[in-house]
Structure formats: C-alpha cells, structure tokens
Amino acid sequence: MVASKFVYLNGQRVSHPSVKVGPGDRISIRDWTLHLPSESKLPQLFLAHKLPGEVVTRKDPEGRQTLFDRLQAMGLPESSNLKTVGRLDIRSEGLLLLTDDGELARYLEHP
C-alpha cells in the first residue's frame, strides 16, 4: 500500500514502510482514516512475574497472597484498574501481561 501511494501520515504521503507514528498522529489509507489517541489515552501495559503460590485474582476468600496484593505493595499506580491477559494457576510461575484497557485484554486473549 505504501508502494502504491495509498498511505498518508498527517496529510503527507508515506514513501517508506518504516516511518515513526506517535500519539495524536492521523493515518489515512485510501478513504479510511485512523486517529491515534493522545498519549494520555494510550493503554498502559505492564509485565509482571507471577510467583509460585500467588493467586491471579483481586481478592482470595482463602486469604492467599494475590498478584494484585504484591503489585499494590510495590506501588504500581492504579493497580485496581489493571486486568490480566490470561492467568496462571497457583503452582505456576511466569510472565503475565496486564493492561488498563479491557478491550485490548479481550482482543489479546481471543484465539
């Protein structure tokens, strides 16, 4: 599409497929336009290492340590708004992606 001269960034034709696009930019392809949100509206993304024995839930009725308890204790801002992309069972450990954008989380989880 770039080679066919269909792509525009902020009204200027894109001549190379490697161009930097940032918050607030406007991308046009033929008659379709995408307005990128300002930086303050971009979703927040975090990677968290889930420890063995931690539960991936907000509150555990059995009182076990949760991933969100640890994130809050570490001072992660707005951890109450974060959603995990997927989960790991209590015995597992590994990286989890967290975001404040529920739609993005659902999109990433969907097969």
PDB file of N, CA and C in Angstrom:
ATOM      1  N   MET A   1       0.826  -1.198   0.000  1.00  0.00           N
ATOM      2  CA  MET A   1       0.000   0.000   0.000  1.00  0.00           C
ATOM      3  C   MET A   1       0.865   1.255   0.000  1.00  0.00           C
ATOM      4  N   VAL A   2       2.000   1.200   0.719  1.00  0.00           N
ATOM      5  CA  VAL A   2       2.915   2.338   0.714  1.00  0.00           C
ATOM      6  C   VAL A   2       3.487   2.523  -0.686  1.00  0.00           C
ATOM      7  N   ALA A   3       3.932   1.420  -1.319  1.00  0.00           N
ATOM      8  CA  ALA A   3       4.500   1.494  -2.666  1.00  0.00           C
ATOM      9  C   ALA A   3       3.463   1.975  -3.673  1.00  0.00           C
ATOM     10  N   SER A   4       2.194   1.664  -3.424  1.00  0.00           N
ATOM     11  CA  SER A   4       1.119   2.094  -4.325  1.00  0.00           C
ATOM     12  C   SER A   4       0.627   3.509  -4.024  1.00  0.00           C
ATOM     13  N   LYS A   5       1.266   4.174  -3.074  1.00  0.00           N
ATOM     14  CA  LYS A   5       0.974   5.574  -2.716  1.00  0.00           C
ATOM     15  C   LYS A   5      -0.422   5.756  -2.127  1.00  0.00           C
ATOM     16  N   PHE A   6      -0.880   4.782  -1.326  1.00  0.00           N
ATOM     17  CA  PHE A   6      -2.200   4.858  -0.695  1.00  0.00           C
ATOM     18  C   PHE A   6      -2.145   5.352   0.743  1.00  0.00           C
ATOM     19  N   VAL A   7      -0.948   5.397   1.346  1.00  0.00           N
ATOM     20  CA  VAL A   7      -0.833   5.672   2.781  1.00  0.00           C
ATOM     21  C   VAL A   7      -0.343   7.099   3.019  1.00  0.00           C
ATOM     22  N   TYR A   8      -1.057   7.791   3.931  1.00  0.00           N
ATOM     23  CA  TYR A   8      -0.703   9.161   4.310  1.00  0.00           C
ATOM     24  C   TYR A   8      -0.602   9.254   5.826  1.00  0.00           C
ATOM     25  N   LEU A   9       0.370  10.025   6.292  1.00  0.00           N
ATOM     26  CA  LEU A   9       0.534  10.289   7.713  1.00  0.00           C
ATOM     27  C   LEU A   9       0.427  11.796   7.916  1.00  0.00           C
ATOM     28  N   ASN A  10      -0.591  12.204   8.628  1.00  0.00           N
ATOM     29  CA  ASN A  10      -0.857  13.630   8.883  1.00  0.00           C
ATOM     30  C   ASN A  10      -0.906  14.440   7.588  1.00  0.00           C
ATOM     31  N   GLY A  11      -1.521  13.866   6.572  1.00  0.00           N
ATOM     32  CA  GLY A  11      -1.695  14.562   5.299  1.00  0.00           C
ATOM     33  C   GLY A  11      -0.525  14.447   4.337  1.00  0.00           C
ATOM     34  N   GLN A  12       0.579  13.861   4.750  1.00  0.00           N
ATOM     35  CA  GLN A  12       1.759  13.712   3.896  1.00  0.00           C
ATOM     36  C   GLN A  12       1.862  12.258   3.433  1.00  0.00           C
ATOM     37  N   ARG A  13       2.095  12.070   2.129  1.00  0.00           N
ATOM     38  CA  ARG A  13       2.211  10.717   1.601  1.00  0.00           C
ATOM     39  C   ARG A  13       3.418  10.022   2.224  1.00  0.00           C
ATOM     40  N   VAL A  14       3.231   8.773   2.649  1.00  0.00           N
ATOM     41  CA  VAL A  14       4.308   7.966   3.223  1.00  0.00           C
ATOM     42  C   VAL A  14       5.047   7.298   2.077  1.00  0.00           C
ATOM     43  N   SER A  15       6.373   7.520   2.014  1.00  0.00           N
ATOM     44  CA  SER A  15       7.148   6.977   0.905  1.00  0.00           C
ATOM     45  C   SER A  15       8.013   5.795   1.316  1.00  0.00           C
ATOM     46  N   HIS A  16       8.073   5.504   2.612  1.00  0.00           N
ATOM     47  CA  HIS A  16       8.895   4.405   3.103  1.00  0.00           C
ATOM     48  C   HIS A  16       8.088   3.602   4.120  1.00  0.00           C
ATOM     49  N   PRO A  17       8.161   2.269   4.100  1.00  0.00           N
ATOM     50  CA  PRO A  17       7.342   1.465   5.020  1.00  0.00           C
ATOM     51  C   PRO A  17       7.758   1.580   6.490  1.00  0.00           C
ATOM     52  N   SER A  18       8.943   2.117   6.755  1.00  0.00           N
ATOM     53  CA  SER A  18       9.405   2.276   8.129  1.00  0.00           C
ATOM     54  C   SER A  18       9.320   3.751   8.510  1.00  0.00           C
ATOM     55  N   VAL A  19       8.205   4.118   9.082  1.00  0.00           N
ATOM     56  CA  VAL A  19       8.011   5.509   9.489  1.00  0.00           C
ATOM     57  C   VAL A  19       7.497   5.512  10.922  1.00  0.00           C
ATOM     58  N   LYS A  20       7.978   6.457  11.720  1.00  0.00           N
ATOM     59  CA  LYS A  20       7.587   6.528  13.127  1.00  0.00           C
ATOM     60  C   LYS A  20       6.230   7.212  13.246  1.00  0.00           C
ATOM     61  N   VAL A  21       5.320   6.558  13.985  1.00  0.00           N
ATOM     62  CA  VAL A  21       3.979   7.083  14.209  1.00  0.00           C
ATOM     63  C   VAL A  21       3.808   7.227  15.713  1.00  0.00           C
ATOM     64  N   GLY A  22       3.242   8.345  16.138  1.00  0.00           N
ATOM     65  CA  GLY A  22       3.104   8.580  17.566  1.00  0.00           C
ATOM     66  C   GLY A  22       1.716   9.031  17.960  1.00  0.00           C
ATOM     67  N   PRO A  23       1.543   9.290  19.260  1.00  0.00           N
ATOM     68  CA  PRO A  23       0.244   9.737  19.771  1.00  0.00           C
ATOM     69  C   PRO A  23      -0.232  10.999  19.058  1.00  0.00           C
ATOM     70  N   GLY A  24      -1.498  11.027  18.720  1.00  0.00           N
ATOM     71  CA  GLY A  24      -2.088  12.183  18.058  1.00  0.00           C
ATOM     72  C   GLY A  24      -1.931  12.197  16.547  1.00  0.00           C
ATOM     73  N   ASP A  25      -1.168  11.258  15.991  1.00  0.00           N
ATOM     74  CA  ASP A  25      -0.991  11.211  14.539  1.00  0.00           C
ATOM     75  C   ASP A  25      -2.259  10.699  13.849  1.00  0.00           C
ATOM     76  N   ARG A  26      -2.381  11.065  12.566  1.00  0.00           N
ATOM     77  CA  ARG A  26      -3.527  10.647  11.756  1.00  0.00           C
ATOM     78  C   ARG A  26      -2.999   9.857  10.562  1.00  0.00           C
ATOM     79  N   ILE A  27      -3.466   8.609  10.427  1.00  0.00           N
ATOM     80  CA  ILE A  27      -3.043   7.735   9.329  1.00  0.00           C
ATOM     81  C   ILE A  27      -4.225   7.566   8.392  1.00  0.00           C
ATOM     82  N   SER A  28      -3.992   7.782   7.103  1.00  0.00           N
ATOM     83  CA  SER A  28      -5.049   7.620   6.099  1.00  0.00           C
ATOM     84  C   SER A  28      -4.606   6.590   5.073  1.00  0.00           C
ATOM     85  N   ILE A  29      -5.507   5.664   4.771  1.00  0.00           N
ATOM     86  CA  ILE A  29      -5.280   4.666   3.728  1.00  0.00           C
ATOM     87  C   ILE A  29      -6.500   4.713   2.836  1.00  0.00           C
ATOM     88  N   ARG A  30      -6.295   5.209   1.625  1.00  0.00           N
ATOM     89  CA  ARG A  30      -7.400   5.463   0.693  1.00  0.00           C
ATOM     90  C   ARG A  30      -8.440   6.347   1.379  1.00  0.00           C
ATOM     91  N   ASP A  31      -9.671   5.875   1.556  1.00  0.00           N
ATOM     92  CA  ASP A  31     -10.723   6.694   2.161  1.00  0.00           C
ATOM     93  C   ASP A  31     -10.908   6.431   3.653  1.00  0.00           C
ATOM     94  N   TRP A  32     -10.054   5.633   4.240  1.00  0.00           N
ATOM     95  CA  TRP A  32     -10.181   5.273   5.647  1.00  0.00           C
ATOM     96  C   TRP A  32      -9.128   6.024   6.460  1.00  0.00           C
ATOM     97  N   THR A  33      -9.546   6.624   7.589  1.00  0.00           N
ATOM     98  CA  THR A  33      -8.626   7.383   8.429  1.00  0.00           C
ATOM     99  C   THR A  33      -8.662   6.866   9.853  1.00  0.00           C
ATOM    100  N   LEU A  34      -7.478   6.724  10.444  1.00  0.00           N
ATOM    101  CA  LEU A  34      -7.330   6.317  11.832  1.00  0.00           C
ATOM    102  C   LEU A  34      -6.684   7.467  12.585  1.00  0.00           C
ATOM    103  N   HIS A  35      -7.360   7.930  13.639  1.00  0.00           N
ATOM    104  CA  HIS A  35      -6.800   8.972  14.500  1.00  0.00           C
ATOM    105  C   HIS A  35      -6.268   8.288  15.750  1.00  0.00           C
ATOM    106  N   LEU A  36      -4.954   8.371  15.971  1.00  0.00           N
ATOM    107  CA  LEU A  36      -4.379   7.765  17.167  1.00  0.00           C
ATOM    108  C   LEU A  36      -4.695   8.642  18.371  1.00  0.00           C
ATOM    109  N   PRO A  37      -5.001   8.037  19.514  1.00  0.00           N
ATOM    110  CA  PRO A  37      -5.318   8.837  20.694  1.00  0.00           C
ATOM    111  C   PRO A  37      -4.098   9.585  21.197  1.00  0.00           C
ATOM    112  N   SER A  38      -4.352  10.619  21.988  1.00  0.00           N
ATOM    113  CA  SER A  38      -3.233  11.327  22.596  1.00  0.00           C
ATOM    114  C   SER A  38      -2.539  10.389  23.568  1.00  0.00           C
ATOM    115  N   GLU A  39      -1.346  10.752  23.982  1.00  0.00           N
ATOM    116  CA  GLU A  39      -0.559   9.873  24.845  1.00  0.00           C
ATOM    117  C   GLU A  39      -1.276   9.562  26.150  1.00  0.00           C
ATOM    118  N   SER A  40      -2.058  10.491  26.655  1.00  0.00           N
ATOM    119  CA  SER A  40      -2.748  10.264  27.922  1.00  0.00           C
ATOM    120  C   SER A  40      -3.856   9.223  27.802  1.00  0.00           C
ATOM    121  N   LYS A  41      -4.289   8.920  26.574  1.00  0.00           N
ATOM    122  CA  LYS A  41      -5.359   7.942  26.377  1.00  0.00           C
ATOM    123  C   LYS A  41      -4.843   6.595  25.897  1.00  0.00           C
ATOM    124  N   LEU A  42      -3.540   6.469  25.737  1.00  0.00           N
ATOM    125  CA  LEU A  42      -2.984   5.184  25.312  1.00  0.00           C
ATOM    126  C   LEU A  42      -3.094   4.194  26.462  1.00  0.00           C
ATOM    127  N   PRO A  43      -3.353   2.915  26.159  1.00  0.00           N
ATOM    128  CA  PRO A  43      -3.453   1.934  27.236  1.00  0.00           C
ATOM    129  C   PRO A  43      -2.114   1.745  27.937  1.00  0.00           C
ATOM    130  N   GLN A  44      -2.188   1.499  29.226  1.00  0.00           N
ATOM    131  CA  GLN A  44      -0.982   1.170  29.969  1.00  0.00           C
ATOM    132  C   GLN A  44      -0.783  -0.331  29.888  1.00  0.00           C
ATOM    133  N   LEU A  45       0.467  -0.742  29.716  1.00  0.00           N
ATOM    134  CA  LEU A  45       0.811  -2.163  29.644  1.00  0.00           C
ATOM    135  C   LEU A  45       1.937  -2.436  30.631  1.00  0.00           C
ATOM    136  N   PHE A  46       1.806  -3.523  31.367  1.00  0.00           N
ATOM    137  CA  PHE A  46       2.821  -3.919  32.326  1.00  0.00           C
ATOM    138  C   PHE A  46       3.081  -5.412  32.175  1.00  0.00           C
ATOM    139  N   LEU A  47       4.310  -5.813  32.422  1.00  0.00           N
ATOM    140  CA  LEU A  47       4.663  -7.224  32.528  1.00  0.00           C
ATOM    141  C   LEU A  47       4.918  -7.497  33.997  1.00  0.00           C
ATOM    142  N   ALA A  48       4.349  -8.564  34.523  1.00  0.00           N
ATOM    143  CA  ALA A  48       4.551  -8.924  35.918  1.00  0.00           C
ATOM    144  C   ALA A  48       4.949 -10.387  36.008  1.00  0.00           C
ATOM    145  N   HIS A  49       5.918 -10.665  36.855  1.00  0.00           N
ATOM    146  CA  HIS A  49       6.329 -12.041  37.087  1.00  0.00           C
ATOM    147  C   HIS A  49       5.456 -12.607  38.195  1.00  0.00           C
ATOM    148  N   LYS A  50       4.600 -13.573  37.856  1.00  0.00           N
ATOM    149  CA  LYS A  50       3.747 -14.237  38.845  1.00  0.00           C
ATOM    150  C   LYS A  50       4.588 -15.298  39.542  1.00  0.00           C
ATOM    151  N   LEU A  51       4.563 -15.250  40.862  1.00  0.00           N
ATOM    152  CA  LEU A  51       5.348 -16.177  41.661  1.00  0.00           C
ATOM    153  C   LEU A  51       4.561 -17.451  41.954  1.00  0.00           C
ATOM    154  N   PRO A  52       5.231 -18.577  42.160  1.00  0.00           N
ATOM    155  CA  PRO A  52       4.520 -19.795  42.556  1.00  0.00           C
ATOM    156  C   PRO A  52       3.832 -19.549  43.901  1.00  0.00           C
ATOM    157  N   GLY A  53       2.594 -20.015  44.025  1.00  0.00           N
ATOM    158  CA  GLY A  53       1.833 -19.828  45.249  1.00  0.00           C
ATOM    159  C   GLY A  53       0.959 -18.589  45.251  1.00  0.00           C
ATOM    160  N   GLU A  54       1.176 -17.693  44.293  1.00  0.00           N
ATOM    161  CA  GLU A  54       0.336 -16.500  44.170  1.00  0.00           C
ATOM    162  C   GLU A  54      -0.911 -16.832  43.377  1.00  0.00           C
ATOM    163  N   VAL A  55      -1.997 -16.173  43.721  1.00  0.00           N
ATOM    164  CA  VAL A  55      -3.253 -16.365  43.016  1.00  0.00           C
ATOM    165  C   VAL A  55      -3.470 -15.151  42.111  1.00  0.00           C
ATOM    166  N   VAL A  56      -3.908 -15.380  40.886  1.00  0.00           N
ATOM    167  CA  VAL A  56      -4.169 -14.292  39.943  1.00  0.00           C
ATOM    168  C   VAL A  56      -5.639 -13.894  40.081  1.00  0.00           C
ATOM    169  N   THR A  57      -5.913 -13.127  41.121  1.00  0.00           N
ATOM    170  CA  THR A  57      -7.254 -12.634  41.384  1.00  0.00           C
ATOM    171  C   THR A  57      -7.138 -11.392  42.260  1.00  0.00           C
ATOM    172  N   ARG A  58      -8.207 -10.628  42.338  1.00  0.00           N
ATOM    173  CA  ARG A  58      -8.190  -9.419  43.177  1.00  0.00           C
ATOM    174  C   ARG A  58      -8.195  -9.764  44.666  1.00  0.00           C
ATOM    175  N   LYS A  59      -9.129 -10.587  45.069  1.00  0.00           N
ATOM    176  CA  LYS A  59      -9.278 -10.979  46.479  1.00  0.00           C
ATOM    177  C   LYS A  59      -9.445 -12.488  46.538  1.00  0.00           C
ATOM    178  N   ASP A  60      -8.745 -13.113  47.456  1.00  0.00           N
ATOM    179  CA  ASP A  60      -8.867 -14.557  47.616  1.00  0.00           C
ATOM    180  C   ASP A  60      -9.618 -14.850  48.911  1.00  0.00           C
ATOM    181  N   PRO A  61     -10.759 -15.563  48.836  1.00  0.00           N
ATOM    182  CA  PRO A  61     -11.522 -15.858  50.043  1.00  0.00           C
ATOM    183  C   PRO A  61     -10.750 -16.710  51.051  1.00  0.00           C
ATOM    184  N   GLU A  62      -9.704 -17.401  50.588  1.00  0.00           N
ATOM    185  CA  GLU A  62      -8.896 -18.223  51.485  1.00  0.00           C
ATOM    186  C   GLU A  62      -7.711 -17.455  52.072  1.00  0.00           C
ATOM    187  N   GLY A  63      -7.583 -16.180  51.700  1.00  0.00           N
ATOM    188  CA  GLY A  63      -6.536 -15.338  52.270  1.00  0.00           C
ATOM    189  C   GLY A  63      -5.144 -15.556  51.706  1.00  0.00           C
ATOM    190  N   ARG A  64      -5.037 -16.231  50.575  1.00  0.00           N
ATOM    191  CA  ARG A  64      -3.722 -16.451  49.973  1.00  0.00           C
ATOM    192  C   ARG A  64      -3.219 -15.162  49.332  1.00  0.00           C
ATOM    193  N   GLN A  65      -1.911 -15.093  49.168  1.00  0.00           N
ATOM    194  CA  GLN A  65      -1.271 -13.939  48.539  1.00  0.00           C
ATOM    195  C   GLN A  65      -1.730 -13.857  47.079  1.00  0.00           C
ATOM    196  N   THR A  66      -2.100 -12.649  46.628  1.00  0.00           N
ATOM    197  CA  THR A  66      -2.504 -12.466  45.236  1.00  0.00           C
ATOM    198  C   THR A  66      -1.461 -11.634  44.502  1.00  0.00           C
ATOM    199  N   LEU A  67      -1.447 -11.782  43.206  1.00  0.00           N
ATOM    200  CA  LEU A  67      -0.568 -10.973  42.367  1.00  0.00           C
ATOM    201  C   LEU A  67      -0.859  -9.493  42.577  1.00  0.00           C
ATOM    202  N   PHE A  68      -2.134  -9.142  42.677  1.00  0.00           N
ATOM    203  CA  PHE A  68      -2.510  -7.735  42.812  1.00  0.00           C
ATOM    204  C   PHE A  68      -2.104  -7.165  44.169  1.00  0.00           C
ATOM    205  N   ASP A  69      -2.103  -7.990  45.230  1.00  0.00           N
ATOM    206  CA  ASP A  69      -1.597  -7.537  46.534  1.00  0.00           C
ATOM    207  C   ASP A  69      -0.135  -7.122  46.405  1.00  0.00           C
ATOM    208  N   ARG A  70       0.637  -7.961  45.731  1.00  0.00           N
ATOM    209  CA  ARG A  70       2.070  -7.670  45.575  1.00  0.00           C
ATOM    210  C   ARG A  70       2.300  -6.441  44.716  1.00  0.00           C
ATOM    211  N   LEU A  71       1.531  -6.311  43.622  1.00  0.00           N
ATOM    212  CA  LEU A  71       1.692  -5.134  42.757  1.00  0.00           C
ATOM    213  C   LEU A  71       1.355  -3.854  43.512  1.00  0.00           C
ATOM    214  N   GLN A  72       0.305  -3.901  44.321  1.00  0.00           N
ATOM    215  CA  GLN A  72      -0.084  -2.727  45.101  1.00  0.00           C
ATOM    216  C   GLN A  72       0.995  -2.391  46.133  1.00  0.00           C
ATOM    217  N   ALA A  73       1.548  -3.404  46.785  1.00  0.00           N
ATOM    218  CA  ALA A  73       2.605  -3.188  47.769  1.00  0.00           C
ATOM    219  C   ALA A  73       3.861  -2.595  47.115  1.00  0.00           C
ATOM    220  N   MET A  74       4.078  -2.920  45.842  1.00  0.00           N
ATOM    221  CA  MET A  74       5.225  -2.383  45.108  1.00  0.00           C
ATOM    222  C   MET A  74       4.974  -0.957  44.633  1.00  0.00           C
ATOM    223  N   GLY A  75       3.722  -0.481  44.798  1.00  0.00           N
ATOM    224  CA  GLY A  75       3.416   0.892  44.416  1.00  0.00           C
ATOM    225  C   GLY A  75       3.030   1.070  42.967  1.00  0.00           C
ATOM    226  N   LEU A  76       2.617  -0.009  42.301  1.00  0.00           N
ATOM    227  CA  LEU A  76       2.193   0.116  40.911  1.00  0.00           C
ATOM    228  C   LEU A  76       0.969   1.021  40.845  1.00  0.00           C
ATOM    229  N   PRO A  77       1.027   2.084  40.066  1.00  0.00           N
ATOM    230  CA  PRO A  77      -0.088   3.027  40.032  1.00  0.00           C
ATOM    231  C   PRO A  77      -1.347   2.404  39.450  1.00  0.00           C
ATOM    232  N   GLU A  78      -2.466   2.710  40.075  1.00  0.00           N
ATOM    233  CA  GLU A  78      -3.776   2.286  39.575  1.00  0.00           C
ATOM    234  C   GLU A  78      -3.867   0.783  39.354  1.00  0.00           C
ATOM    235  N   SER A  79      -3.255  -0.013  40.229  1.00  0.00           N
ATOM    236  CA  SER A  79      -3.307  -1.465  40.027  1.00  0.00           C
ATOM    237  C   SER A  79      -4.733  -1.990  40.140  1.00  0.00           C
ATOM    238  N   SER A  80      -5.641  -1.203  40.742  1.00  0.00           N
ATOM    239  CA  SER A  80      -7.032  -1.648  40.842  1.00  0.00           C
ATOM    240  C   SER A  80      -7.733  -1.619  39.483  1.00  0.00           C
ATOM    241  N   ASN A  81      -7.184  -0.875  38.526  1.00  0.00           N
ATOM    242  CA  ASN A  81      -7.776  -0.786  37.190  1.00  0.00           C
ATOM    243  C   ASN A  81      -7.174  -1.799  36.215  1.00  0.00           C
ATOM    244  N   LEU A  82      -6.162  -2.525  36.626  1.00  0.00           N
ATOM    245  CA  LEU A  82      -5.473  -3.430  35.704  1.00  0.00           C
ATOM    246  C   LEU A  82      -6.206  -4.750  35.550  1.00  0.00           C
ATOM    247  N   LYS A  83      -6.142  -5.271  34.336  1.00  0.00           N
ATOM    248  CA  LYS A  83      -6.708  -6.575  34.008  1.00  0.00           C
ATOM    249  C   LYS A  83      -5.569  -7.447  33.492  1.00  0.00           C
ATOM    250  N   THR A  84      -5.590  -8.718  33.851  1.00  0.00           N
ATOM    251  CA  THR A  84      -4.570  -9.616  33.334  1.00  0.00           C
ATOM    252  C   THR A  84      -4.997 -10.148  31.972  1.00  0.00           C
ATOM    253  N   VAL A  85      -4.018 -10.396  31.138  1.00  0.00           N
ATOM    254  CA  VAL A  85      -4.268 -11.062  29.867  1.00  0.00           C
ATOM    255  C   VAL A  85      -3.954 -12.528  30.117  1.00  0.00           C
ATOM    256  N   GLY A  86      -5.003 -13.298  30.356  1.00  0.00           N
ATOM    257  CA  GLY A  86      -4.841 -14.703  30.706  1.00  0.00           C
ATOM    258  C   GLY A  86      -4.575 -14.857  32.190  1.00  0.00           C
ATOM    259  N   ARG A  87      -4.274 -16.081  32.607  1.00  0.00           N
ATOM    260  CA  ARG A  87      -3.958 -16.361  34.010  1.00  0.00           C
ATOM    261  C   ARG A  87      -3.006 -17.540  34.078  1.00  0.00           C
ATOM    262  N   LEU A  88      -2.445 -17.696  35.243  1.00  0.00           N
ATOM    263  CA  LEU A  88      -1.619 -18.866  35.539  1.00  0.00           C
ATOM    264  C   LEU A  88      -2.162 -19.495  36.808  1.00  0.00           C
ATOM    265  N   ASP A  89      -2.092 -20.822  36.905  1.00  0.00           N
ATOM    266  CA  ASP A  89      -2.621 -21.466  38.108  1.00  0.00           C
ATOM    267  C   ASP A  89      -1.691 -21.202  39.294  1.00  0.00           C
ATOM    268  N   ILE A  90      -2.136 -21.571  40.477  1.00  0.00           N
ATOM    269  CA  ILE A  90      -1.442 -21.214  41.712  1.00  0.00           C
ATOM    270  C   ILE A  90      -0.021 -21.785  41.778  1.00  0.00           C
ATOM    271  N   ARG A  91       0.220 -22.929  41.199  1.00  0.00           N
ATOM    272  CA  ARG A  91       1.553 -23.543  41.268  1.00  0.00           C
ATOM    273  C   ARG A  91       2.506 -23.019  40.200  1.00  0.00           C
ATOM    274  N   SER A  92       1.957 -22.389  39.170  1.00  0.00           N
ATOM    275  CA  SER A  92       2.782 -21.921  38.052  1.00  0.00           C
ATOM    276  C   SER A  92       3.453 -20.593  38.374  1.00  0.00           C
ATOM    277  N   GLU A  93       4.516 -20.332  37.644  1.00  0.00           N
ATOM    278  CA  GLU A  93       5.130 -19.011  37.676  1.00  0.00           C
ATOM    279  C   GLU A  93       5.448 -18.607  36.252  1.00  0.00           C
ATOM    280  N   GLY A  94       5.527 -17.304  36.024  1.00  0.00           N
ATOM    281  CA  GLY A  94       5.854 -16.824  34.691  1.00  0.00           C
ATOM    282  C   GLY A  94       5.400 -15.391  34.497  1.00  0.00           C
ATOM    283  N   LEU A  95       5.617 -14.893  33.304  1.00  0.00           N
ATOM    284  CA  LEU A  95       5.252 -13.515  32.983  1.00  0.00           C
ATOM    285  C   LEU A  95       3.788 -13.420  32.594  1.00  0.00           C
ATOM    286  N   LEU A  96       3.144 -12.378  33.099  1.00  0.00           N
ATOM    287  CA  LEU A  96       1.774 -12.053  32.714  1.00  0.00           C
ATOM    288  C   LEU A  96       1.751 -10.631  32.198  1.00  0.00           C
ATOM    289  N   LEU A  97       0.956 -10.400  31.189  1.00  0.00           N
ATOM    290  CA  LEU A  97       0.730  -9.056  30.676  1.00  0.00           C
ATOM    291  C   LEU A  97      -0.493  -8.491  31.372  1.00  0.00           C
ATOM    292  N   LEU A  98      -0.400  -7.239  31.826  1.00  0.00           N
ATOM    293  CA  LEU A  98      -1.522  -6.555  32.459  1.00  0.00           C
ATOM    294  C   LEU A  98      -1.765  -5.253  31.717  1.00  0.00           C
ATOM    295  N   THR A  99      -3.021  -4.839  31.630  1.00  0.00           N
ATOM    296  CA  THR A  99      -3.371  -3.603  30.952  1.00  0.00           C
ATOM    297  C   THR A  99      -4.561  -2.957  31.647  1.00  0.00           C
ATOM    298  N   ASP A 100      -4.709  -1.657  31.436  1.00  0.00           N
ATOM    299  CA  ASP A 100      -5.878  -0.952  31.963  1.00  0.00           C
ATOM    300  C   ASP A 100      -6.980  -0.861  30.909  1.00  0.00           C
ATOM    301  N   ASP A 101      -6.778  -1.516  29.767  1.00  0.00           N
ATOM    302  CA  ASP A 101      -7.730  -1.479  28.659  1.00  0.00           C
ATOM    303  C   ASP A 101      -8.384  -2.863  28.516  1.00  0.00           C
ATOM    304  N   GLY A 102      -9.623  -2.987  28.997  1.00  0.00           N
ATOM    305  CA  GLY A 102     -10.320  -4.269  28.945  1.00  0.00           C
ATOM    306  C   GLY A 102     -10.520  -4.783  27.535  1.00  0.00           C
ATOM    307  N   GLU A 103     -10.796  -3.891  26.589  1.00  0.00           N
ATOM    308  CA  GLU A 103     -10.987  -4.308  25.197  1.00  0.00           C
ATOM    309  C   GLU A 103      -9.697  -4.894  24.630  1.00  0.00           C
ATOM    310  N   LEU A 104      -8.574  -4.268  24.933  1.00  0.00           N
ATOM    311  CA  LEU A 104      -7.276  -4.781  24.489  1.00  0.00           C
ATOM    312  C   LEU A 104      -7.001  -6.145  25.119  1.00  0.00           C
ATOM    313  N   ALA A 105      -7.306  -6.290  26.399  1.00  0.00           N
ATOM    314  CA  ALA A 105      -7.094  -7.585  27.079  1.00  0.00           C
ATOM    315  C   ALA A 105      -7.912  -8.681  26.409  1.00  0.00           C
ATOM    316  N   ARG A 106      -9.181  -8.398  26.112  1.00  0.00           N
ATOM    317  CA  ARG A 106     -10.029  -9.405  25.452  1.00  0.00           C
ATOM    318  C   ARG A 106      -9.495  -9.742  24.068  1.00  0.00           C
ATOM    319  N   TYR A 107      -9.046  -8.727  23.319  1.00  0.00           N
ATOM    320  CA  TYR A 107      -8.516  -8.945  21.975  1.00  0.00           C
ATOM    321  C   TYR A 107      -7.276  -9.851  22.027  1.00  0.00           C
ATOM    322  N   LEU A 108      -6.386  -9.590  22.983  1.00  0.00           N
ATOM    323  CA  LEU A 108      -5.164 -10.385  23.081  1.00  0.00           C
ATOM    324  C   LEU A 108      -5.429 -11.808  23.546  1.00  0.00           C
ATOM    325  N   GLU A 109      -6.475 -12.016  24.342  1.00  0.00           N
ATOM    326  CA  GLU A 109      -6.812 -13.357  24.811  1.00  0.00           C
ATOM    327  C   GLU A 109      -7.529 -14.197  23.766  1.00  0.00           C
ATOM    328  N   HIS A 110      -8.218 -13.553  22.853  1.00  0.00           N
ATOM    329  CA  HIS A 110      -9.020 -14.268  21.884  1.00  0.00           C
ATOM    330  C   HIS A 110      -8.131 -15.052  20.919  1.00  0.00           C
ATOM    331  N   PRO A 111      -8.478 -16.304  20.615  1.00  0.00           N
ATOM    332  CA  PRO A 111      -7.619 -17.119  19.763  1.00  0.00           C
ATOM    333  C   PRO A 111      -7.434 -16.585  18.363  1.00  0.00           C
TER     334      PRO A 111
END
